[in-house]
Amino acid sequence: MTAETAPSWPPQPDVPQIVAPGIRHLLAPNASSWTYEGTNSYVIADGDSAILVDPGCTDESHAEALRRVGRADDRTITAVLLTHDHPDHSDGARALARSVGVPIIGMSRRFADELLVDGQILRVGALEAHVIHTPGHSDDSVCLWFPAQNTLMTGDSLLGARSSAVMGKLAEVLDSLDLLRNLVGDRKVLALPGHGPMFDDIVESATKVIEVRTKRINEVRGYIEGGNTTLEGLTAVLYPNHSGSRAMFATSTVVSTVRYLAEQTDERGIADARLRDDVVAELERYDQAMAERMRAHQAAEAAASA
């Protein structure tokens, strides 16, 4: 299958569609301004086994659809895999894994029962999925490379024409995108993203993201050098029309860009020491606030699953 012959987008939620040999797609019913039409869940299935990827929501109808597809033809579900642990991918994972008695696998130390390793090969029947650590969107982001199928499951590391927030380190985003460009080279590889339709212009898409991020770095550096050193002020001038969940996207982009600049010690960073100190202090306040929010989320999650 190619991007040109792919099923029309968007499909109905919970309806399985074959998108590559041994891989079926199910759209989660969690559409929002943050998830676009919803999270792309996948079932990797071959022979007598299957792995469920990114349930993305707590809707029981979606969990049942994933179980049904995974168990078709008397297959045994062996794991629930997370491309990363953001709620729009990990929600429902714990309950789903418990319902079929399997571990959660991934690179998230918060969620994974079994940690994946960069370069590890997952075997599902005759299928081989190579684990590629692609931090940046999140510290634990992974892609799955299926060489025999010429297919790359990208999670949220690359979404084609869609935008993906940077919740990790911007420097790692740029490195991960370059890694994917080098992996694909001049081959026509099908990409299965975490949101939005499949695509096959991976090199072009990655290059465009790198160019956009580099332009934003230069813009933010200019505003800081002009005296605008607060995250709120930078977000307001760069994303004046964002609200709701898109405001969170805007803030994460600004934070990752400011952090990138603060970490540079050469001409790529912030030349004025006073301005750099102001920025570092602003980032420390932001990190403290985010840590408090994470503790509250984990407490609520623990209470819900008790």
C-alpha atoms as a PDB file:
ATOM      1  CA  MET A   1       0.000   0.000   0.000  1.00  0.00           C
ATOM      2  CA  THR A   2       1.126   3.564  -0.687  1.00  0.00           C
ATOM      3  CA  ALA A   3      -0.077   6.943   0.515  1.00  0.00           C
ATOM      4  CA  GLU A   4      -1.904   7.321  -2.815  1.00  0.00           C
ATOM      5  CA  THR A   5      -3.794   4.022  -2.419  1.00  0.00           C
ATOM      6  CA  ALA A   6      -4.483   4.411   1.305  1.00  0.00           C
ATOM      7  CA  PRO A   7      -8.057   4.367   2.622  1.00  0.00           C
ATOM      8  CA  SER A   8      -9.832   7.716   2.610  1.00  0.00           C
ATOM      9  CA  TRP A   9      -9.157   9.941   5.586  1.00  0.00           C
ATOM     10  CA  PRO A  10     -10.488  10.120   8.231  1.00  0.00           C
ATOM     11  CA  PRO A  11     -11.943   6.652   8.706  1.00  0.00           C
ATOM     12  CA  GLN A  12     -14.686   5.850  11.174  1.00  0.00           C
ATOM     13  CA  PRO A  13     -13.354   5.267  14.712  1.00  0.00           C
ATOM     14  CA  ASP A  14     -12.796   1.644  15.767  1.00  0.00           C
ATOM     15  CA  VAL A  15     -13.036   0.305  12.202  1.00  0.00           C
ATOM     16  CA  PRO A  16      -9.904  -1.737  11.357  1.00  0.00           C
ATOM     17  CA  GLN A  17      -8.142  -1.097   8.064  1.00  0.00           C
ATOM     18  CA  ILE A  18      -5.099  -2.875   6.675  1.00  0.00           C
ATOM     19  CA  VAL A  19      -2.432  -0.227   6.073  1.00  0.00           C
ATOM     20  CA  ALA A  20       0.623  -2.443   5.544  1.00  0.00           C
ATOM     21  CA  PRO A  21       1.269  -6.196   5.525  1.00  0.00           C
ATOM     22  CA  GLY A  22       0.555  -7.388   9.056  1.00  0.00           C
ATOM     23  CA  ILE A  23      -0.471  -3.944  10.328  1.00  0.00           C
ATOM     24  CA  ARG A  24      -4.020  -2.733  10.900  1.00  0.00           C
ATOM     25  CA  HIS A  25      -5.093   0.777  11.840  1.00  0.00           C
ATOM     26  CA  LEU A  26      -7.942   1.785  14.140  1.00  0.00           C
ATOM     27  CA  LEU A  27      -8.752   5.439  14.796  1.00  0.00           C
ATOM     28  CA  ALA A  28      -9.392   6.168  18.476  1.00  0.00           C
ATOM     29  CA  PRO A  29     -12.586   8.098  19.287  1.00  0.00           C
ATOM     30  CA  ASN A  30     -10.711  10.969  20.957  1.00  0.00           C
ATOM     31  CA  ALA A  31     -10.781  13.748  18.356  1.00  0.00           C
ATOM     32  CA  SER A  32      -9.809  17.203  19.648  1.00  0.00           C
ATOM     33  CA  SER A  33      -7.801  20.249  18.674  1.00  0.00           C
ATOM     34  CA  TRP A  34      -4.819  18.500  20.271  1.00  0.00           C
ATOM     35  CA  THR A  35      -5.261  15.042  18.669  1.00  0.00           C
ATOM     36  CA  TYR A  36      -6.707  16.216  15.327  1.00  0.00           C
ATOM     37  CA  GLU A  37      -9.171  13.503  14.165  1.00  0.00           C
ATOM     38  CA  GLY A  38      -7.986  11.208  16.967  1.00  0.00           C
ATOM     39  CA  THR A  39      -5.072   9.000  17.919  1.00  0.00           C
ATOM     40  CA  ASN A  40      -3.965   6.349  15.472  1.00  0.00           C
ATOM     41  CA  SER A  41      -3.958   2.964  17.202  1.00  0.00           C
ATOM     42  CA  TYR A  42      -2.406  -0.011  15.430  1.00  0.00           C
ATOM     43  CA  VAL A  43      -2.459  -3.785  15.676  1.00  0.00           C
ATOM     44  CA  ILE A  44       0.695  -5.560  14.544  1.00  0.00           C
ATOM     45  CA  ALA A  45      -0.349  -9.146  13.838  1.00  0.00           C
ATOM     46  CA  ASP A  46       1.169 -12.135  12.104  1.00  0.00           C
ATOM     47  CA  GLY A  47       1.208 -15.871  12.669  1.00  0.00           C
ATOM     48  CA  ASP A  48      -0.215 -16.643  16.081  1.00  0.00           C
ATOM     49  CA  SER A  49       0.642 -13.385  17.887  1.00  0.00           C
ATOM     50  CA  ALA A  50      -0.245  -9.690  17.968  1.00  0.00           C
ATOM     51  CA  ILE A  51       0.871  -6.447  19.634  1.00  0.00           C
ATOM     52  CA  LEU A  52      -1.546  -3.577  20.301  1.00  0.00           C
ATOM     53  CA  VAL A  53      -0.087  -0.088  19.819  1.00  0.00           C
ATOM     54  CA  ASP A  54      -1.183   3.198  21.439  1.00  0.00           C
ATOM     55  CA  PRO A  55      -4.776   2.683  22.650  1.00  0.00           C
ATOM     56  CA  GLY A  56      -4.973   6.430  23.285  1.00  0.00           C
ATOM     57  CA  CYS A  57      -8.226   6.622  25.239  1.00  0.00           C
ATOM     58  CA  THR A  58     -10.242   4.924  27.952  1.00  0.00           C
ATOM     59  CA  ASP A  59     -13.251   4.227  25.743  1.00  0.00           C
ATOM     60  CA  GLU A  60     -14.167   0.567  26.243  1.00  0.00           C
ATOM     61  CA  SER A  61     -15.509   0.224  22.701  1.00  0.00           C
ATOM     62  CA  HIS A  62     -12.059   1.109  21.379  1.00  0.00           C
ATOM     63  CA  ALA A  63     -10.372  -1.346  23.733  1.00  0.00           C
ATOM     64  CA  GLU A  64     -12.759  -4.072  22.627  1.00  0.00           C
ATOM     65  CA  ALA A  65     -12.104  -3.285  18.952  1.00  0.00           C
ATOM     66  CA  LEU A  66      -8.354  -3.601  19.533  1.00  0.00           C
ATOM     67  CA  ARG A  67      -8.769  -6.878  21.419  1.00  0.00           C
ATOM     68  CA  ARG A  68     -11.039  -8.253  18.702  1.00  0.00           C
ATOM     69  CA  VAL A  69      -8.600  -7.455  15.904  1.00  0.00           C
ATOM     70  CA  GLY A  70      -5.640  -8.685  17.931  1.00  0.00           C
ATOM     71  CA  ARG A  71      -7.321 -12.011  18.720  1.00  0.00           C
ATOM     72  CA  ALA A  72      -8.644 -12.656  15.208  1.00  0.00           C
ATOM     73  CA  ASP A  73      -7.601 -15.976  13.623  1.00  0.00           C
ATOM     74  CA  ASP A  74      -6.879 -17.387  17.104  1.00  0.00           C
ATOM     75  CA  ARG A  75      -3.905 -15.089  17.649  1.00  0.00           C
ATOM     76  CA  THR A  76      -2.570 -14.348  21.123  1.00  0.00           C
ATOM     77  CA  ILE A  77      -1.998 -10.742  22.158  1.00  0.00           C
ATOM     78  CA  THR A  78       1.489 -10.558  23.674  1.00  0.00           C
ATOM     79  CA  ALA A  79       1.909  -6.880  24.615  1.00  0.00           C
ATOM     80  CA  VAL A  80       0.561  -3.345  24.558  1.00  0.00           C
ATOM     81  CA  LEU A  81       3.197  -1.044  23.067  1.00  0.00           C
ATOM     82  CA  LEU A  82       3.439   2.705  23.611  1.00  0.00           C
ATOM     83  CA  THR A  83       5.275   4.867  21.101  1.00  0.00           C
ATOM     84  CA  HIS A  84       5.419   7.374  23.993  1.00  0.00           C
ATOM     85  CA  ASP A  85       3.563   8.013  27.222  1.00  0.00           C
ATOM     86  CA  HIS A  86       1.578  11.186  26.505  1.00  0.00           C
ATOM     87  CA  PRO A  87      -2.039  10.736  27.657  1.00  0.00           C
ATOM     88  CA  ASP A  88      -3.467  10.754  24.137  1.00  0.00           C
ATOM     89  CA  HIS A  89      -1.440   7.576  23.488  1.00  0.00           C
ATOM     90  CA  SER A  90      -1.151   5.951  26.913  1.00  0.00           C
ATOM     91  CA  ASP A  91      -4.684   6.503  28.220  1.00  0.00           C
ATOM     92  CA  GLY A  92      -6.383   3.139  28.450  1.00  0.00           C
ATOM     93  CA  ALA A  93      -3.117   1.219  28.133  1.00  0.00           C
ATOM     94  CA  ARG A  94      -3.017  -0.063  31.703  1.00  0.00           C
ATOM     95  CA  ALA A  95      -6.613  -1.284  31.678  1.00  0.00           C
ATOM     96  CA  LEU A  96      -6.191  -2.822  28.219  1.00  0.00           C
ATOM     97  CA  ALA A  97      -3.008  -4.650  29.221  1.00  0.00           C
ATOM     98  CA  ARG A  98      -4.646  -5.979  32.380  1.00  0.00           C
ATOM     99  CA  SER A  99      -7.707  -7.131  30.478  1.00  0.00           C
ATOM    100  CA  VAL A 100      -5.597  -9.468  28.323  1.00  0.00           C
ATOM    101  CA  GLY A 101      -2.897 -10.219  30.901  1.00  0.00           C
ATOM    102  CA  VAL A 102       0.074  -8.777  29.023  1.00  0.00           C
ATOM    103  CA  PRO A 103       2.810  -6.233  29.797  1.00  0.00           C
ATOM    104  CA  ILE A 104       3.064  -2.668  28.550  1.00  0.00           C
ATOM    105  CA  ILE A 105       6.274  -2.239  26.555  1.00  0.00           C
ATOM    106  CA  GLY A 106       7.939   1.027  25.592  1.00  0.00           C
ATOM    107  CA  MET A 107      10.636   3.426  26.759  1.00  0.00           C
ATOM    108  CA  SER A 108       8.555   5.173  29.411  1.00  0.00           C
ATOM    109  CA  ARG A 109       9.800   4.367  32.899  1.00  0.00           C
ATOM    110  CA  ARG A 110       6.427   5.579  34.223  1.00  0.00           C
ATOM    111  CA  PHE A 111       4.356   3.156  32.163  1.00  0.00           C
ATOM    112  CA  ALA A 112       6.413   0.314  30.739  1.00  0.00           C
ATOM    113  CA  ASP A 113       6.485  -3.035  32.499  1.00  0.00           C
ATOM    114  CA  GLU A 114       9.243  -4.002  30.089  1.00  0.00           C
ATOM    115  CA  LEU A 115      11.574  -1.327  28.735  1.00  0.00           C
ATOM    116  CA  LEU A 116      12.441  -1.362  25.062  1.00  0.00           C
ATOM    117  CA  VAL A 117      16.012  -0.714  23.936  1.00  0.00           C
ATOM    118  CA  ASP A 118      17.176   1.223  20.897  1.00  0.00           C
ATOM    119  CA  GLY A 119      18.005  -1.276  18.156  1.00  0.00           C
ATOM    120  CA  GLN A 120      15.919  -4.059  19.697  1.00  0.00           C
ATOM    121  CA  ILE A 121      14.026  -6.261  17.249  1.00  0.00           C
ATOM    122  CA  LEU A 122      10.441  -7.211  18.103  1.00  0.00           C
ATOM    123  CA  ARG A 123       9.221 -10.353  16.365  1.00  0.00           C
ATOM    124  CA  VAL A 124       5.516 -10.837  15.726  1.00  0.00           C
ATOM    125  CA  GLY A 125       5.128 -14.026  13.757  1.00  0.00           C
ATOM    126  CA  ALA A 126       7.355 -13.508  10.734  1.00  0.00           C
ATOM    127  CA  LEU A 127       7.260  -9.713  11.102  1.00  0.00           C
ATOM    128  CA  GLU A 128      10.289  -7.864  12.430  1.00  0.00           C
ATOM    129  CA  ALA A 129       9.918  -4.406  13.979  1.00  0.00           C
ATOM    130  CA  HIS A 130      13.154  -2.576  14.737  1.00  0.00           C
ATOM    131  CA  VAL A 131      12.929  -0.183  17.702  1.00  0.00           C
ATOM    132  CA  ILE A 132      14.375   3.273  17.045  1.00  0.00           C
ATOM    133  CA  HIS A 133      14.662   5.735  19.923  1.00  0.00           C
ATOM    134  CA  THR A 134      13.631   9.153  18.596  1.00  0.00           C
ATOM    135  CA  PRO A 135      13.517  11.513  21.596  1.00  0.00           C
ATOM    136  CA  GLY A 136      12.345  15.086  21.239  1.00  0.00           C
ATOM    137  CA  HIS A 137       8.575  15.074  21.078  1.00  0.00           C
ATOM    138  CA  SER A 138       9.029  13.273  24.386  1.00  0.00           C
ATOM    139  CA  ASP A 139      12.037  11.684  26.066  1.00  0.00           C
ATOM    140  CA  ASP A 140      10.606   8.196  25.536  1.00  0.00           C
ATOM    141  CA  SER A 141       9.468   8.489  21.907  1.00  0.00           C
ATOM    142  CA  VAL A 142      10.136   5.505  19.663  1.00  0.00           C
ATOM    143  CA  CYS A 143       9.574   4.651  16.043  1.00  0.00           C
ATOM    144  CA  LEU A 144       9.179   1.131  14.676  1.00  0.00           C
ATOM    145  CA  TRP A 145      10.934   0.252  11.422  1.00  0.00           C
ATOM    146  CA  PHE A 146       9.583  -2.688   9.412  1.00  0.00           C
ATOM    147  CA  PRO A 147      12.275  -3.252   6.751  1.00  0.00           C
ATOM    148  CA  ALA A 148      10.514  -6.122   4.966  1.00  0.00           C
ATOM    149  CA  GLN A 149       7.354  -4.011   4.666  1.00  0.00           C
ATOM    150  CA  ASN A 150       9.274  -0.812   3.886  1.00  0.00           C
ATOM    151  CA  THR A 151       7.135   0.830   6.554  1.00  0.00           C
ATOM    152  CA  LEU A 152       7.964   3.168   9.436  1.00  0.00           C
ATOM    153  CA  MET A 153       5.625   3.680  12.400  1.00  0.00           C
ATOM    154  CA  THR A 154       6.556   7.201  13.530  1.00  0.00           C
ATOM    155  CA  GLY A 155       4.417   7.820  16.617  1.00  0.00           C
ATOM    156  CA  ASP A 156       4.406  11.594  17.128  1.00  0.00           C
ATOM    157  CA  SER A 157       8.054  12.032  16.113  1.00  0.00           C
ATOM    158  CA  LEU A 158       6.911  12.925  12.590  1.00  0.00           C
ATOM    159  CA  LEU A 159       3.344  13.583  11.461  1.00  0.00           C
ATOM    160  CA  GLY A 160       3.757  14.436   7.803  1.00  0.00           C
ATOM    161  CA  ALA A 161       1.916  17.686   7.115  1.00  0.00           C
ATOM    162  CA  ARG A 162       0.732  17.954  10.737  1.00  0.00           C
ATOM    163  CA  SER A 163       2.489  19.766  13.582  1.00  0.00           C
ATOM    164  CA  SER A 164       3.837  17.903  16.600  1.00  0.00           C
ATOM    165  CA  ALA A 165       4.596  19.654  19.875  1.00  0.00           C
ATOM    166  CA  VAL A 166       8.050  19.498  21.437  1.00  0.00           C
ATOM    167  CA  MET A 167       7.621  18.279  24.991  1.00  0.00           C
ATOM    168  CA  GLY A 168      11.203  17.040  25.253  1.00  0.00           C
ATOM    169  CA  LYS A 169      14.395  18.681  24.026  1.00  0.00           C
ATOM    170  CA  LEU A 170      14.439  20.585  20.751  1.00  0.00           C
ATOM    171  CA  ALA A 171      18.047  19.557  20.036  1.00  0.00           C
ATOM    172  CA  GLU A 172      16.894  15.928  20.217  1.00  0.00           C
ATOM    173  CA  VAL A 173      13.973  16.651  17.865  1.00  0.00           C
ATOM    174  CA  LEU A 174      16.415  17.919  15.251  1.00  0.00           C
ATOM    175  CA  ASP A 175      18.733  14.939  15.755  1.00  0.00           C
ATOM    176  CA  SER A 176      15.868  12.428  15.587  1.00  0.00           C
ATOM    177  CA  LEU A 177      14.482  13.936  12.394  1.00  0.00           C
ATOM    178  CA  ASP A 178      17.929  13.796  10.835  1.00  0.00           C
ATOM    179  CA  LEU A 179      18.199  10.150  11.913  1.00  0.00           C
ATOM    180  CA  LEU A 180      14.910   9.343  10.163  1.00  0.00           C
ATOM    181  CA  ARG A 181      16.039  11.161   7.012  1.00  0.00           C
ATOM    182  CA  ASN A 182      19.220   9.077   6.944  1.00  0.00           C
ATOM    183  CA  LEU A 183      17.291   5.864   7.586  1.00  0.00           C
ATOM    184  CA  VAL A 184      14.949   6.429   4.663  1.00  0.00           C
ATOM    185  CA  GLY A 185      17.425   7.964   2.234  1.00  0.00           C
ATOM    186  CA  ASP A 186      16.088   7.897  -1.300  1.00  0.00           C
ATOM    187  CA  ARG A 187      13.673   5.025  -0.676  1.00  0.00           C
ATOM    188  CA  LYS A 188       9.906   5.398  -0.843  1.00  0.00           C
ATOM    189  CA  VAL A 189       8.905   4.394   2.676  1.00  0.00           C
ATOM    190  CA  LEU A 190       5.355   4.389   4.022  1.00  0.00           C
ATOM    191  CA  ALA A 191       4.982   6.305   7.292  1.00  0.00           C
ATOM    192  CA  LEU A 192       2.281   5.410   9.824  1.00  0.00           C
ATOM    193  CA  PRO A 193       1.996   8.407  12.175  1.00  0.00           C
ATOM    194  CA  GLY A 194       0.462   8.830  15.613  1.00  0.00           C
ATOM    195  CA  HIS A 195      -2.103  11.284  14.216  1.00  0.00           C
ATOM    196  CA  GLY A 196      -3.349  12.062  10.743  1.00  0.00           C
ATOM    197  CA  PRO A 197      -3.141  10.125   7.467  1.00  0.00           C
ATOM    198  CA  MET A 198      -0.231   7.965   6.379  1.00  0.00           C
ATOM    199  CA  PHE A 199       2.352   9.576   4.118  1.00  0.00           C
ATOM    200  CA  ASP A 200       5.416   8.607   2.098  1.00  0.00           C
ATOM    201  CA  ASP A 201       7.419  11.833   1.793  1.00  0.00           C
ATOM    202  CA  ILE A 202       9.373  11.232   4.994  1.00  0.00           C
ATOM    203  CA  VAL A 203      12.580  13.021   3.985  1.00  0.00           C
ATOM    204  CA  GLU A 204      10.704  16.060   2.706  1.00  0.00           C
ATOM    205  CA  SER A 205       8.468  16.181   5.788  1.00  0.00           C
ATOM    206  CA  ALA A 206      11.408  15.884   8.191  1.00  0.00           C
ATOM    207  CA  THR A 207      13.362  18.543   6.300  1.00  0.00           C
ATOM    208  CA  LYS A 208      10.429  20.944   6.450  1.00  0.00           C
ATOM    209  CA  VAL A 209      10.085  20.474  10.212  1.00  0.00           C
ATOM    210  CA  ILE A 210      13.815  21.111  10.692  1.00  0.00           C
ATOM    211  CA  GLU A 211      13.590  24.295   8.621  1.00  0.00           C
ATOM    212  CA  VAL A 212      10.526  25.540  10.516  1.00  0.00           C
ATOM    213  CA  ARG A 213      12.122  24.806  13.894  1.00  0.00           C
ATOM    214  CA  THR A 214      15.357  26.534  12.886  1.00  0.00           C
ATOM    215  CA  LYS A 215      13.444  29.615  11.764  1.00  0.00           C
ATOM    216  CA  ARG A 216      11.577  29.667  15.092  1.00  0.00           C
ATOM    217  CA  ILE A 217      14.856  29.404  17.018  1.00  0.00           C
ATOM    218  CA  ASN A 218      16.147  32.504  15.258  1.00  0.00           C
ATOM    219  CA  GLU A 219      12.881  34.380  15.870  1.00  0.00           C
ATOM    220  CA  VAL A 220      12.866  33.581  19.586  1.00  0.00           C
ATOM    221  CA  ARG A 221      16.525  34.564  19.919  1.00  0.00           C
ATOM    222  CA  GLY A 222      15.685  37.915  18.365  1.00  0.00           C
ATOM    223  CA  TYR A 223      12.805  38.582  20.763  1.00  0.00           C
ATOM    224  CA  ILE A 224      14.933  37.648  23.770  1.00  0.00           C
ATOM    225  CA  GLU A 225      17.724  39.939  22.630  1.00  0.00           C
ATOM    226  CA  GLY A 226      15.069  42.644  22.418  1.00  0.00           C
ATOM    227  CA  GLY A 227      14.254  42.155  26.117  1.00  0.00           C
ATOM    228  CA  ASN A 228      11.276  39.775  25.936  1.00  0.00           C
ATOM    229  CA  THR A 229      12.440  37.036  28.329  1.00  0.00           C
ATOM    230  CA  THR A 230       9.214  35.647  29.814  1.00  0.00           C
ATOM    231  CA  LEU A 231       7.554  32.514  28.477  1.00  0.00           C
ATOM    232  CA  GLU A 232       4.173  34.216  28.630  1.00  0.00           C
ATOM    233  CA  GLY A 233       5.419  37.221  26.694  1.00  0.00           C
ATOM    234  CA  LEU A 234       7.149  35.137  24.040  1.00  0.00           C
ATOM    235  CA  THR A 235       4.110  32.887  23.599  1.00  0.00           C
ATOM    236  CA  ALA A 236       1.825  35.910  23.235  1.00  0.00           C
ATOM    237  CA  VAL A 237       3.913  37.468  20.485  1.00  0.00           C
ATOM    238  CA  LEU A 238       4.620  34.224  18.614  1.00  0.00           C
ATOM    239  CA  TYR A 239       1.172  32.593  18.933  1.00  0.00           C
ATOM    240  CA  PRO A 240      -1.332  35.415  19.520  1.00  0.00           C
ATOM    241  CA  ASN A 241      -4.350  33.457  18.263  1.00  0.00           C
ATOM    242  CA  HIS A 242      -3.855  30.141  20.064  1.00  0.00           C
ATOM    243  CA  SER A 243      -6.313  29.175  22.799  1.00  0.00           C
ATOM    244  CA  GLY A 244      -7.481  26.064  24.628  1.00  0.00           C
ATOM    245  CA  SER A 245      -5.391  22.962  23.985  1.00  0.00           C
ATOM    246  CA  ARG A 246      -3.569  24.714  21.128  1.00  0.00           C
ATOM    247  CA  ALA A 247      -2.269  27.198  23.700  1.00  0.00           C
ATOM    248  CA  MET A 248      -0.568  24.260  25.432  1.00  0.00           C
ATOM    249  CA  PHE A 249       1.015  23.343  22.089  1.00  0.00           C
ATOM    250  CA  ALA A 250       2.237  26.920  21.707  1.00  0.00           C
ATOM    251  CA  THR A 251       3.688  27.028  25.211  1.00  0.00           C
ATOM    252  CA  SER A 252       5.527  23.722  24.760  1.00  0.00           C
ATOM    253  CA  THR A 253       7.071  24.974  21.518  1.00  0.00           C
ATOM    254  CA  VAL A 254       8.229  28.209  23.127  1.00  0.00           C
ATOM    255  CA  VAL A 255       9.595  26.429  26.196  1.00  0.00           C
ATOM    256  CA  SER A 256      11.562  23.917  24.121  1.00  0.00           C
ATOM    257  CA  THR A 257      12.979  26.684  21.927  1.00  0.00           C
ATOM    258  CA  VAL A 258      13.968  28.882  24.878  1.00  0.00           C
ATOM    259  CA  ARG A 259      15.536  25.884  26.619  1.00  0.00           C
ATOM    260  CA  TYR A 260      17.501  25.080  23.473  1.00  0.00           C
ATOM    261  CA  LEU A 261      18.862  28.627  23.346  1.00  0.00           C
ATOM    262  CA  ALA A 262      19.709  28.629  27.060  1.00  0.00           C
ATOM    263  CA  GLU A 263      21.716  25.424  26.658  1.00  0.00           C
ATOM    264  CA  GLN A 264      23.886  26.707  23.817  1.00  0.00           C
ATOM    265  CA  THR A 265      27.311  28.097  24.772  1.00  0.00           C
ATOM    266  CA  ASP A 266      28.284  29.489  21.378  1.00  0.00           C
ATOM    267  CA  GLU A 267      26.794  31.942  18.884  1.00  0.00           C
ATOM    268  CA  ARG A 268      23.671  29.771  18.619  1.00  0.00           C
ATOM    269  CA  GLY A 269      22.668  30.723  22.168  1.00  0.00           C
ATOM    270  CA  ILE A 270      21.930  33.955  24.064  1.00  0.00           C
ATOM    271  CA  ALA A 271      24.946  36.250  24.032  1.00  0.00           C
ATOM    272  CA  ASP A 272      23.875  38.620  26.818  1.00  0.00           C
ATOM    273  CA  ALA A 273      24.578  36.932  30.194  1.00  0.00           C
ATOM    274  CA  ARG A 274      21.890  38.942  32.012  1.00  0.00           C
ATOM    275  CA  LEU A 275      19.221  37.996  29.506  1.00  0.00           C
ATOM    276  CA  ARG A 276      20.333  34.380  29.665  1.00  0.00           C
ATOM    277  CA  ASP A 277      20.035  34.386  33.480  1.00  0.00           C
ATOM    278  CA  ASP A 278      16.519  35.800  33.192  1.00  0.00           C
ATOM    279  CA  VAL A 279      15.555  33.050  30.770  1.00  0.00           C
ATOM    280  CA  VAL A 280      17.041  30.296  32.941  1.00  0.00           C
ATOM    281  CA  ALA A 281      15.094  31.566  35.979  1.00  0.00           C
ATOM    282  CA  GLU A 282      11.904  31.601  33.926  1.00  0.00           C
ATOM    283  CA  LEU A 283      12.490  27.998  32.850  1.00  0.00           C
ATOM    284  CA  GLU A 284      13.052  26.920  36.465  1.00  0.00           C
ATOM    285  CA  ARG A 285       9.694  28.403  37.487  1.00  0.00           C
ATOM    286  CA  TYR A 286       8.002  26.624  34.592  1.00  0.00           C
ATOM    287  CA  ASP A 287       9.603  23.276  35.479  1.00  0.00           C
ATOM    288  CA  GLN A 288       8.421  23.538  39.080  1.00  0.00           C
ATOM    289  CA  ALA A 289       4.852  24.236  37.960  1.00  0.00           C
ATOM    290  CA  MET A 290       4.903  21.310  35.520  1.00  0.00           C
ATOM    291  CA  ALA A 291       6.245  18.941  38.184  1.00  0.00           C
ATOM    292  CA  GLU A 292       3.324  19.841  40.432  1.00  0.00           C
ATOM    293  CA  ARG A 293       0.856  19.204  37.606  1.00  0.00           C
ATOM    294  CA  MET A 294       2.440  15.831  36.863  1.00  0.00           C
ATOM    295  CA  ARG A 295       2.172  14.750  40.504  1.00  0.00           C
ATOM    296  CA  ALA A 296      -1.506  15.685  40.520  1.00  0.00           C
ATOM    297  CA  HIS A 297      -2.117  13.749  37.264  1.00  0.00           C
ATOM    298  CA  GLN A 298      -0.358  10.648  38.600  1.00  0.00           C
ATOM    299  CA  ALA A 299      -2.351  10.796  41.828  1.00  0.00           C
ATOM    300  CA  ALA A 300      -5.624  11.016  39.894  1.00  0.00           C
ATOM    301  CA  GLU A 301      -4.528   8.163  37.612  1.00  0.00           C
ATOM    302  CA  ALA A 302      -3.641   5.973  40.597  1.00  0.00           C
ATOM    303  CA  ALA A 303      -6.976   6.691  42.234  1.00  0.00           C
ATOM    304  CA  ALA A 304      -8.876   5.839  39.056  1.00  0.00           C
ATOM    305  CA  SER A 305      -7.112   2.505  38.605  1.00  0.00           C
ATOM    306  CA  ALA A 306      -7.313   1.477  42.285  1.00  0.00           C
END
